[in-house]
Structures are given as structure tokens and as C-alpha cells.
Amino acid sequence: MITKEDITQLIEQGLSGSQAIIKGDDGSHFEGIVVSPEFSDKNMIAQHKMVYATLGDRMQTGVIHALSLRTYTPEQWASQNENQQ
């Protein structure tokens, strides 16, 4: 079984300068927000592929059954948080 802390660590180690906020407690279904400067100039599909790459084969083998993602550059994240205040 994998934990949200494990997923956070894998993503943050795999994407330089990233911040991952992972939720989910059932051990296989997770939601995540990932903020990374490496997402600049990449479309959403490319960003998600970058995140999935940090997880290795855990998605294919079913260790992680589902991971719903929202990805942002640091600038997009800052703008998102300003809009919510």
C-alpha cells in the first residue's frame, strides 16, 4: 500500500523545485495539486505525464489505482490563490 506522503515525496524528488499537495486515505485513490517551475511552456497533458513519470510503474501495476491531478506553474498557483482571497 502507498500513502499520500509516499506520493508527495516521489513527486517532489522527481520534479526539481516542485510542491505536491496530495489527498486521499483509502490507499489507492488520490487527488493532487502539483506546482512546479518545470511546467512552464508545457501543456496540461505534458505536465501530467511529467508527474506520472515520477511515480514509476506504480500507476501501471495498480499500486496507485487513480490519481486526479491539477498542475500549475508557480505563477499560475500564485494567481489562483490571489483570486480565492
Protein backbone atom coordinates (compact mmCIF):
# COMPACT_ATOMS: atom_id res chain seq x y z
CA MET A 1 0.00 0.00 0.00
CA ILE A 2 1.20 3.51 -0.79
CA THR A 3 0.48 6.61 1.27
CA LYS A 4 -0.15 10.20 0.26
CA GLU A 5 3.15 11.03 1.96
CA ASP A 6 4.95 8.49 -0.28
CA ILE A 7 3.41 10.04 -3.39
CA THR A 8 4.29 13.56 -2.22
CA GLN A 9 7.90 12.51 -1.69
CA LEU A 10 8.19 10.77 -5.07
CA ILE A 11 6.81 13.78 -6.94
CA GLU A 12 8.86 16.37 -5.06
CA GLN A 13 12.05 14.36 -5.54
CA GLY A 14 11.30 13.72 -9.21
CA LEU A 15 10.40 17.31 -10.18
CA SER A 16 13.00 19.83 -9.14
CA GLY A 17 11.60 22.67 -7.05
CA SER A 18 8.09 21.23 -7.00
CA GLN A 19 5.46 21.25 -4.29
CA ALA A 20 2.90 18.46 -4.14
CA ILE A 21 -0.30 18.50 -2.11
CA ILE A 22 -1.79 15.01 -2.13
CA LYS A 23 -5.10 13.96 -0.57
CA GLY A 24 -6.69 10.54 -0.22
CA ASP A 25 -6.77 7.97 2.53
CA ASP A 26 -8.03 4.74 1.01
CA GLY A 27 -4.59 3.65 -0.21
CA SER A 28 -5.30 3.61 -3.95
CA HIS A 29 -7.37 6.68 -4.95
CA PHE A 30 -5.70 10.07 -4.64
CA GLU A 31 -6.13 13.71 -5.65
CA GLY A 32 -3.20 16.01 -6.09
CA ILE A 33 -2.11 19.54 -6.78
CA VAL A 34 1.41 19.85 -8.11
CA VAL A 35 3.19 23.17 -8.54
CA SER A 36 6.47 23.13 -10.48
CA PRO A 37 8.58 25.61 -12.41
CA GLU A 38 9.29 22.72 -14.81
CA PHE A 39 5.70 23.05 -16.10
CA SER A 40 6.45 26.38 -17.82
CA ASP A 41 5.80 26.19 -21.57
CA LYS A 42 4.23 22.71 -21.25
CA ASN A 43 0.59 21.88 -21.94
CA MET A 44 -1.53 20.10 -19.35
CA ILE A 45 -1.02 16.64 -20.88
CA ALA A 46 2.76 17.07 -20.84
CA GLN A 47 2.61 18.31 -17.23
CA HIS A 48 0.58 15.28 -16.13
CA LYS A 49 2.97 12.92 -17.94
CA MET A 50 5.85 14.54 -16.06
CA VAL A 51 4.12 13.87 -12.74
CA TYR A 52 3.23 10.28 -13.67
CA ALA A 53 6.87 9.68 -14.66
CA THR A 54 7.94 10.45 -11.08
CA LEU A 55 5.73 7.59 -9.86
CA GLY A 56 7.47 4.95 -11.94
CA ASP A 57 5.33 1.89 -12.66
CA ARG A 58 3.05 2.39 -9.66
CA MET A 59 0.17 3.54 -11.90
CA GLN A 60 0.53 0.63 -14.35
CA THR A 61 0.83 -2.02 -11.64
CA GLY A 62 -2.19 -0.77 -9.70
CA VAL A 63 -0.31 0.32 -6.58
CA ILE A 64 -1.94 3.68 -7.30
CA HIS A 65 -5.32 2.99 -8.85
CA ALA A 66 -6.26 6.62 -9.55
CA LEU A 67 -4.56 9.99 -9.23
CA SER A 68 -6.60 13.04 -10.19
CA LEU A 69 -4.22 15.93 -10.90
CA ARG A 70 -4.28 19.69 -11.11
CA THR A 71 -0.95 21.13 -12.20
CA TYR A 72 0.29 24.71 -12.04
CA THR A 73 3.40 26.76 -12.62
CA PRO A 74 4.37 28.83 -9.57
CA GLU A 75 2.95 31.93 -11.28
CA GLN A 76 -0.37 30.20 -12.03
CA TRP A 77 -0.56 28.93 -8.45
CA ALA A 78 0.09 32.40 -7.03
CA SER A 79 -2.60 33.85 -9.31
CA GLN A 80 -5.04 31.07 -8.34
CA ASN A 81 -4.53 31.81 -4.65
CA GLU A 82 -4.91 35.58 -5.14
CA ASN A 83 -8.24 35.02 -6.88
CA GLN A 84 -9.55 32.96 -3.96
CA GLN A 85 -8.90 35.64 -1.37
